[in-house]
Amino acid sequence: MGDNRVGDGVDEDVATAFGTFALTDTSLHEAARANGVTRWELEDAIEEAGLSETFDIEREGDVRETIDELLDD
């Protein structure tokens, strides 16, 4: 990630990737790649903004926990 910080320390590339992801049918991975950031940087930004649940973003640990719960049933 380059140093493309704009107001309030927001990285312009991450912000553009987030807008692409949020406002189009583009996947998180595609939006990140198209804007020069990693999917993890984009996921971190979404999580920091408190929007993980809104956009149904789960970390790998959460997925493992969900699989374990399903297998227990």
PDB file of N, CA and C in Angstrom:
ATOM      1  N   MET A   1       0.857  -1.163   0.000  1.00  0.00           N
ATOM      2  CA  MET A   1       0.000   0.000   0.000  1.00  0.00           C
ATOM      3  C   MET A   1       0.900   1.221   0.000  1.00  0.00           C
ATOM      4  N   GLY A   2       0.653   2.128  -0.920  1.00  0.00           N
ATOM      5  CA  GLY A   2       1.426   3.352  -0.997  1.00  0.00           C
ATOM      6  C   GLY A   2       0.963   4.339   0.052  1.00  0.00           C
ATOM      7  N   ASP A   3       1.605   5.511   0.046  1.00  0.00           N
ATOM      8  CA  ASP A   3       1.210   6.532   1.010  1.00  0.00           C
ATOM      9  C   ASP A   3       0.260   7.502   0.332  1.00  0.00           C
ATOM     10  N   ASN A   4      -0.962   7.062   0.094  1.00  0.00           N
ATOM     11  CA  ASN A   4      -1.994   7.866  -0.561  1.00  0.00           C
ATOM     12  C   ASN A   4      -3.004   8.350   0.456  1.00  0.00           C
ATOM     13  N   ARG A   5      -2.519   8.847   1.575  1.00  0.00           N
ATOM     14  CA  ARG A   5      -3.407   9.263   2.653  1.00  0.00           C
ATOM     15  C   ARG A   5      -4.038  10.614   2.335  1.00  0.00           C
ATOM     16  N   VAL A   6      -5.327  10.684   2.593  1.00  0.00           N
ATOM     17  CA  VAL A   6      -6.071  11.927   2.437  1.00  0.00           C
ATOM     18  C   VAL A   6      -6.674  12.273   3.790  1.00  0.00           C
ATOM     19  N   GLY A   7      -7.535  13.228   3.880  1.00  0.00           N
ATOM     20  CA  GLY A   7      -8.127  13.676   5.141  1.00  0.00           C
ATOM     21  C   GLY A   7      -8.336  12.586   6.168  1.00  0.00           C
ATOM     22  N   ASP A   8      -8.023  12.881   7.417  1.00  0.00           N
ATOM     23  CA  ASP A   8      -8.173  11.972   8.551  1.00  0.00           C
ATOM     24  C   ASP A   8      -7.356  10.690   8.408  1.00  0.00           C
ATOM     25  N   GLY A   9      -6.287  10.710   7.631  1.00  0.00           N
ATOM     26  CA  GLY A   9      -5.420   9.550   7.499  1.00  0.00           C
ATOM     27  C   GLY A   9      -6.004   8.405   6.702  1.00  0.00           C
ATOM     28  N   VAL A  10      -7.024   8.655   5.933  1.00  0.00           N
ATOM     29  CA  VAL A  10      -7.671   7.619   5.131  1.00  0.00           C
ATOM     30  C   VAL A  10      -6.859   7.386   3.861  1.00  0.00           C
ATOM     31  N   ASP A  11      -6.564   6.130   3.580  1.00  0.00           N
ATOM     32  CA  ASP A  11      -5.842   5.791   2.360  1.00  0.00           C
ATOM     33  C   ASP A  11      -6.811   5.853   1.184  1.00  0.00           C
ATOM     34  N   GLU A  12      -6.474   6.658   0.207  1.00  0.00           N
ATOM     35  CA  GLU A  12      -7.363   6.873  -0.938  1.00  0.00           C
ATOM     36  C   GLU A  12      -7.628   5.585  -1.712  1.00  0.00           C
ATOM     37  N   ASP A  13      -6.603   4.733  -1.862  1.00  0.00           N
ATOM     38  CA  ASP A  13      -6.792   3.479  -2.590  1.00  0.00           C
ATOM     39  C   ASP A  13      -7.745   2.544  -1.847  1.00  0.00           C
ATOM     40  N   VAL A  14      -7.597   2.466  -0.527  1.00  0.00           N
ATOM     41  CA  VAL A  14      -8.492   1.619   0.277  1.00  0.00           C
ATOM     42  C   VAL A  14      -9.911   2.176   0.216  1.00  0.00           C
ATOM     43  N   ALA A  15     -10.040   3.496   0.314  1.00  0.00           N
ATOM     44  CA  ALA A  15     -11.373   4.118   0.261  1.00  0.00           C
ATOM     45  C   ALA A  15     -12.039   3.865  -1.092  1.00  0.00           C
ATOM     46  N   THR A  16     -11.268   3.957  -2.158  1.00  0.00           N
ATOM     47  CA  THR A  16     -11.826   3.706  -3.493  1.00  0.00           C
ATOM     48  C   THR A  16     -12.212   2.239  -3.645  1.00  0.00           C
ATOM     49  N   ALA A  17     -11.371   1.337  -3.116  1.00  0.00           N
ATOM     50  CA  ALA A  17     -11.688  -0.094  -3.164  1.00  0.00           C
ATOM     51  C   ALA A  17     -12.964  -0.384  -2.383  1.00  0.00           C
ATOM     52  N   PHE A  18     -13.097   0.256  -1.219  1.00  0.00           N
ATOM     53  CA  PHE A  18     -14.302   0.053  -0.418  1.00  0.00           C
ATOM     54  C   PHE A  18     -15.538   0.536  -1.173  1.00  0.00           C
ATOM     55  N   GLY A  19     -15.457   1.707  -1.786  1.00  0.00           N
ATOM     56  CA  GLY A  19     -16.581   2.225  -2.568  1.00  0.00           C
ATOM     57  C   GLY A  19     -16.948   1.301  -3.713  1.00  0.00           C
ATOM     58  N   THR A  20     -15.934   0.774  -4.391  1.00  0.00           N
ATOM     59  CA  THR A  20     -16.169  -0.163  -5.483  1.00  0.00           C
ATOM     60  C   THR A  20     -16.890  -1.406  -4.980  1.00  0.00           C
ATOM     61  N   PHE A  21     -16.417  -1.939  -3.859  1.00  0.00           N
ATOM     62  CA  PHE A  21     -17.024  -3.138  -3.280  1.00  0.00           C
ATOM     63  C   PHE A  21     -18.447  -2.868  -2.807  1.00  0.00           C
ATOM     64  N   ALA A  22     -18.641  -1.745  -2.124  1.00  0.00           N
ATOM     65  CA  ALA A  22     -19.935  -1.447  -1.509  1.00  0.00           C
ATOM     66  C   ALA A  22     -21.014  -1.078  -2.519  1.00  0.00           C
ATOM     67  N   LEU A  23     -20.610  -0.449  -3.613  1.00  0.00           N
ATOM     68  CA  LEU A  23     -21.604   0.119  -4.534  1.00  0.00           C
ATOM     69  C   LEU A  23     -21.784  -0.648  -5.836  1.00  0.00           C
ATOM     70  N   THR A  24     -21.029  -1.721  -6.015  1.00  0.00           N
ATOM     71  CA  THR A  24     -21.145  -2.501  -7.251  1.00  0.00           C
ATOM     72  C   THR A  24     -21.257  -3.988  -6.916  1.00  0.00           C
ATOM     73  N   ASP A  25     -21.356  -4.802  -7.931  1.00  0.00           N
ATOM     74  CA  ASP A  25     -21.404  -6.253  -7.744  1.00  0.00           C
ATOM     75  C   ASP A  25     -20.005  -6.867  -7.711  1.00  0.00           C
ATOM     76  N   THR A  26     -18.982  -6.031  -7.607  1.00  0.00           N
ATOM     77  CA  THR A  26     -17.604  -6.498  -7.588  1.00  0.00           C
ATOM     78  C   THR A  26     -17.311  -7.195  -6.268  1.00  0.00           C
ATOM     79  N   SER A  27     -16.594  -8.314  -6.331  1.00  0.00           N
ATOM     80  CA  SER A  27     -16.226  -9.019  -5.095  1.00  0.00           C
ATOM     81  C   SER A  27     -15.190  -8.212  -4.330  1.00  0.00           C
ATOM     82  N   LEU A  28     -15.041  -8.541  -3.071  1.00  0.00           N
ATOM     83  CA  LEU A  28     -14.060  -7.864  -2.225  1.00  0.00           C
ATOM     84  C   LEU A  28     -12.667  -8.015  -2.824  1.00  0.00           C
ATOM     85  N   HIS A  29     -12.314  -9.222  -3.241  1.00  0.00           N
ATOM     86  CA  HIS A  29     -10.999  -9.489  -3.837  1.00  0.00           C
ATOM     87  C   HIS A  29     -10.799  -8.664  -5.113  1.00  0.00           C
ATOM     88  N   GLU A  30     -11.783  -8.639  -5.979  1.00  0.00           N
ATOM     89  CA  GLU A  30     -11.675  -7.886  -7.243  1.00  0.00           C
ATOM     90  C   GLU A  30     -11.560  -6.386  -6.989  1.00  0.00           C
ATOM     91  N   ALA A  31     -12.332  -5.869  -6.050  1.00  0.00           N
ATOM     92  CA  ALA A  31     -12.289  -4.442  -5.732  1.00  0.00           C
ATOM     93  C   ALA A  31     -10.922  -4.054  -5.181  1.00  0.00           C
ATOM     94  N   ALA A  32     -10.395  -4.891  -4.308  1.00  0.00           N
ATOM     95  CA  ALA A  32      -9.071  -4.614  -3.741  1.00  0.00           C
ATOM     96  C   ALA A  32      -8.007  -4.626  -4.828  1.00  0.00           C
ATOM     97  N   ARG A  33      -7.984  -5.676  -5.631  1.00  0.00           N
ATOM     98  CA  ARG A  33      -6.969  -5.817  -6.678  1.00  0.00           C
ATOM     99  C   ARG A  33      -7.041  -4.674  -7.681  1.00  0.00           C
ATOM    100  N   ALA A  34      -8.252  -4.276  -8.071  1.00  0.00           N
ATOM    101  CA  ALA A  34      -8.426  -3.209  -9.058  1.00  0.00           C
ATOM    102  C   ALA A  34      -7.931  -1.857  -8.547  1.00  0.00           C
ATOM    103  N   ASN A  35      -7.831  -1.726  -7.230  1.00  0.00           N
ATOM    104  CA  ASN A  35      -7.435  -0.449  -6.648  1.00  0.00           C
ATOM    105  C   ASN A  35      -6.075  -0.496  -5.961  1.00  0.00           C
ATOM    106  N   GLY A  36      -5.331  -1.568  -6.207  1.00  0.00           N
ATOM    107  CA  GLY A  36      -3.953  -1.644  -5.741  1.00  0.00           C
ATOM    108  C   GLY A  36      -3.761  -1.900  -4.262  1.00  0.00           C
ATOM    109  N   VAL A  37      -4.731  -2.532  -3.630  1.00  0.00           N
ATOM    110  CA  VAL A  37      -4.596  -2.912  -2.219  1.00  0.00           C
ATOM    111  C   VAL A  37      -4.869  -4.405  -2.093  1.00  0.00           C
ATOM    112  N   THR A  38      -4.557  -4.965  -0.947  1.00  0.00           N
ATOM    113  CA  THR A  38      -4.842  -6.382  -0.732  1.00  0.00           C
ATOM    114  C   THR A  38      -6.237  -6.550  -0.148  1.00  0.00           C
ATOM    115  N   ARG A  39      -6.764  -7.740  -0.285  1.00  0.00           N
ATOM    116  CA  ARG A  39      -8.097  -7.996   0.287  1.00  0.00           C
ATOM    117  C   ARG A  39      -8.060  -7.855   1.797  1.00  0.00           C
ATOM    118  N   TRP A  40      -6.892  -8.145   2.403  1.00  0.00           N
ATOM    119  CA  TRP A  40      -6.774  -8.039   3.854  1.00  0.00           C
ATOM    120  C   TRP A  40      -6.774  -6.578   4.298  1.00  0.00           C
ATOM    121  N   GLU A  41      -6.139  -5.709   3.522  1.00  0.00           N
ATOM    122  CA  GLU A  41      -6.193  -4.275   3.837  1.00  0.00           C
ATOM    123  C   GLU A  41      -7.628  -3.766   3.756  1.00  0.00           C
ATOM    124  N   LEU A  42      -8.332  -4.227   2.739  1.00  0.00           N
ATOM    125  CA  LEU A  42      -9.721  -3.818   2.564  1.00  0.00           C
ATOM    126  C   LEU A  42     -10.594  -4.377   3.684  1.00  0.00           C
ATOM    127  N   GLU A  43     -10.397  -5.651   4.030  1.00  0.00           N
ATOM    128  CA  GLU A  43     -11.149  -6.242   5.138  1.00  0.00           C
ATOM    129  C   GLU A  43     -10.865  -5.508   6.445  1.00  0.00           C
ATOM    130  N   ASP A  44      -9.602  -5.166   6.683  1.00  0.00           N
ATOM    131  CA  ASP A  44      -9.241  -4.424   7.898  1.00  0.00           C
ATOM    132  C   ASP A  44      -9.971  -3.091   7.962  1.00  0.00           C
ATOM    133  N   ALA A  45     -10.017  -2.386   6.828  1.00  0.00           N
ATOM    134  CA  ALA A  45     -10.679  -1.077   6.785  1.00  0.00           C
ATOM    135  C   ALA A  45     -12.178  -1.221   7.060  1.00  0.00           C
ATOM    136  N   ILE A  46     -12.787  -2.254   6.498  1.00  0.00           N
ATOM    137  CA  ILE A  46     -14.216  -2.499   6.718  1.00  0.00           C
ATOM    138  C   ILE A  46     -14.465  -2.818   8.188  1.00  0.00           C
ATOM    139  N   GLU A  47     -13.583  -3.638   8.761  1.00  0.00           N
ATOM    140  CA  GLU A  47     -13.711  -4.001  10.174  1.00  0.00           C
ATOM    141  C   GLU A  47     -13.516  -2.777  11.068  1.00  0.00           C
ATOM    142  N   GLU A  48     -12.497  -1.969  10.771  1.00  0.00           N
ATOM    143  CA  GLU A  48     -12.229  -0.761  11.568  1.00  0.00           C
ATOM    144  C   GLU A  48     -13.398   0.224  11.508  1.00  0.00           C
ATOM    145  N   ALA A  49     -14.110   0.225  10.391  1.00  0.00           N
ATOM    146  CA  ALA A  49     -15.264   1.117  10.240  1.00  0.00           C
ATOM    147  C   ALA A  49     -16.507   0.545  10.921  1.00  0.00           C
ATOM    148  N   GLY A  50     -16.393  -0.674  11.447  1.00  0.00           N
ATOM    149  CA  GLY A  50     -17.527  -1.299  12.128  1.00  0.00           C
ATOM    150  C   GLY A  50     -18.583  -1.815  11.166  1.00  0.00           C
ATOM    151  N   LEU A  51     -18.165  -2.156   9.941  1.00  0.00           N
ATOM    152  CA  LEU A  51     -19.128  -2.569   8.921  1.00  0.00           C
ATOM    153  C   LEU A  51     -19.005  -4.041   8.529  1.00  0.00           C
ATOM    154  N   SER A  52     -18.259  -4.822   9.299  1.00  0.00           N
ATOM    155  CA  SER A  52     -18.074  -6.240   8.962  1.00  0.00           C
ATOM    156  C   SER A  52     -19.401  -6.986   8.870  1.00  0.00           C
ATOM    157  N   GLU A  53     -20.263  -6.755   9.830  1.00  0.00           N
ATOM    158  CA  GLU A  53     -21.547  -7.452   9.839  1.00  0.00           C
ATOM    159  C   GLU A  53     -22.425  -6.980   8.686  1.00  0.00           C
ATOM    160  N   THR A  54     -22.411  -5.692   8.408  1.00  0.00           N
ATOM    161  CA  THR A  54     -23.216  -5.137   7.316  1.00  0.00           C
ATOM    162  C   THR A  54     -22.861  -5.781   5.980  1.00  0.00           C
ATOM    163  N   PHE A  55     -21.559  -5.993   5.767  1.00  0.00           N
ATOM    164  CA  PHE A  55     -21.103  -6.560   4.494  1.00  0.00           C
ATOM    165  C   PHE A  55     -20.774  -8.039   4.598  1.00  0.00           C
ATOM    166  N   ASP A  56     -21.175  -8.668   5.708  1.00  0.00           N
ATOM    167  CA  ASP A  56     -21.010 -10.104   5.916  1.00  0.00           C
ATOM    168  C   ASP A  56     -19.561 -10.546   5.715  1.00  0.00           C
ATOM    169  N   ILE A  57     -18.650  -9.805   6.350  1.00  0.00           N
ATOM    170  CA  ILE A  57     -17.231 -10.128   6.275  1.00  0.00           C
ATOM    171  C   ILE A  57     -16.880 -10.957   7.496  1.00  0.00           C
ATOM    172  N   GLU A  58     -16.356 -12.162   7.269  1.00  0.00           N
ATOM    173  CA  GLU A  58     -15.926 -13.030   8.357  1.00  0.00           C
ATOM    174  C   GLU A  58     -14.448 -13.315   8.200  1.00  0.00           C
ATOM    175  N   ARG A  59     -13.735 -13.250   9.292  1.00  0.00           N
ATOM    176  CA  ARG A  59     -12.326 -13.611   9.294  1.00  0.00           C
ATOM    177  C   ARG A  59     -12.207 -15.121   9.254  1.00  0.00           C
ATOM    178  N   GLU A  60     -11.050 -15.608   8.840  1.00  0.00           N
ATOM    179  CA  GLU A  60     -10.818 -17.044   8.715  1.00  0.00           C
ATOM    180  C   GLU A  60     -11.118 -17.780  10.019  1.00  0.00           C
ATOM    181  N   GLY A  61     -10.743 -17.205  11.143  1.00  0.00           N
ATOM    182  CA  GLY A  61     -11.033 -17.824  12.435  1.00  0.00           C
ATOM    183  C   GLY A  61     -12.517 -17.985  12.651  1.00  0.00           C
ATOM    184  N   ASP A  62     -13.296 -17.007  12.231  1.00  0.00           N
ATOM    185  CA  ASP A  62     -14.748 -17.089  12.363  1.00  0.00           C
ATOM    186  C   ASP A  62     -15.303 -18.227  11.518  1.00  0.00           C
ATOM    187  N   VAL A  63     -14.753 -18.419  10.340  1.00  0.00           N
ATOM    188  CA  VAL A  63     -15.213 -19.483   9.446  1.00  0.00           C
ATOM    189  C   VAL A  63     -14.919 -20.836  10.078  1.00  0.00           C
ATOM    190  N   ARG A  64     -13.717 -20.981  10.625  1.00  0.00           N
ATOM    191  CA  ARG A  64     -13.366 -22.249  11.282  1.00  0.00           C
ATOM    192  C   ARG A  64     -14.312 -22.540  12.439  1.00  0.00           C
ATOM    193  N   GLU A  65     -14.611 -21.524  13.217  1.00  0.00           N
ATOM    194  CA  GLU A  65     -15.523 -21.693  14.360  1.00  0.00           C
ATOM    195  C   GLU A  65     -16.915 -22.099  13.872  1.00  0.00           C
ATOM    196  N   THR A  66     -17.390 -21.493  12.804  1.00  0.00           N
ATOM    197  CA  THR A  66     -18.701 -21.827  12.248  1.00  0.00           C
ATOM    198  C   THR A  66     -18.718 -23.273  11.747  1.00  0.00           C
ATOM    199  N   ILE A  67     -17.663 -23.690  11.093  1.00  0.00           N
ATOM    200  CA  ILE A  67     -17.578 -25.083  10.599  1.00  0.00           C
ATOM    201  C   ILE A  67     -17.606 -26.050  11.770  1.00  0.00           C
ATOM    202  N   ASP A  68     -16.842 -25.745  12.819  1.00  0.00           N
ATOM    203  CA  ASP A  68     -16.835 -26.602  14.016  1.00  0.00           C
ATOM    204  C   ASP A  68     -18.233 -26.706  14.624  1.00  0.00           C
ATOM    205  N   GLU A  69     -18.930 -25.571  14.701  1.00  0.00           N
ATOM    206  CA  GLU A  69     -20.281 -25.577  15.257  1.00  0.00           C
ATOM    207  C   GLU A  69     -21.222 -26.427  14.407  1.00  0.00           C
ATOM    208  N   LEU A  70     -21.097 -26.326  13.084  1.00  0.00           N
ATOM    209  CA  LEU A  70     -21.953 -27.111  12.191  1.00  0.00           C
ATOM    210  C   LEU A  70     -21.659 -28.598  12.322  1.00  0.00           C
ATOM    211  N   LEU A  71     -20.385 -28.950  12.475  1.00  0.00           N
ATOM    212  CA  LEU A  71     -20.018 -30.352  12.611  1.00  0.00           C
ATOM    213  C   LEU A  71     -20.491 -30.924  13.933  1.00  0.00           C
ATOM    214  N   ASP A  72     -20.571 -30.092  14.959  1.00  0.00           N
ATOM    215  CA  ASP A  72     -21.057 -30.542  16.264  1.00  0.00           C
ATOM    216  C   ASP A  72     -22.545 -30.874  16.224  1.00  0.00           C
ATOM    217  N   ASP A  73     -23.284 -30.227  15.323  1.00  0.00           N
ATOM    218  CA  ASP A  73     -24.733 -30.459  15.226  1.00  0.00           C
ATOM    219  C   ASP A  73     -24.992 -31.751  14.579  1.00  0.00           C
TER     220      ASP A  73
END
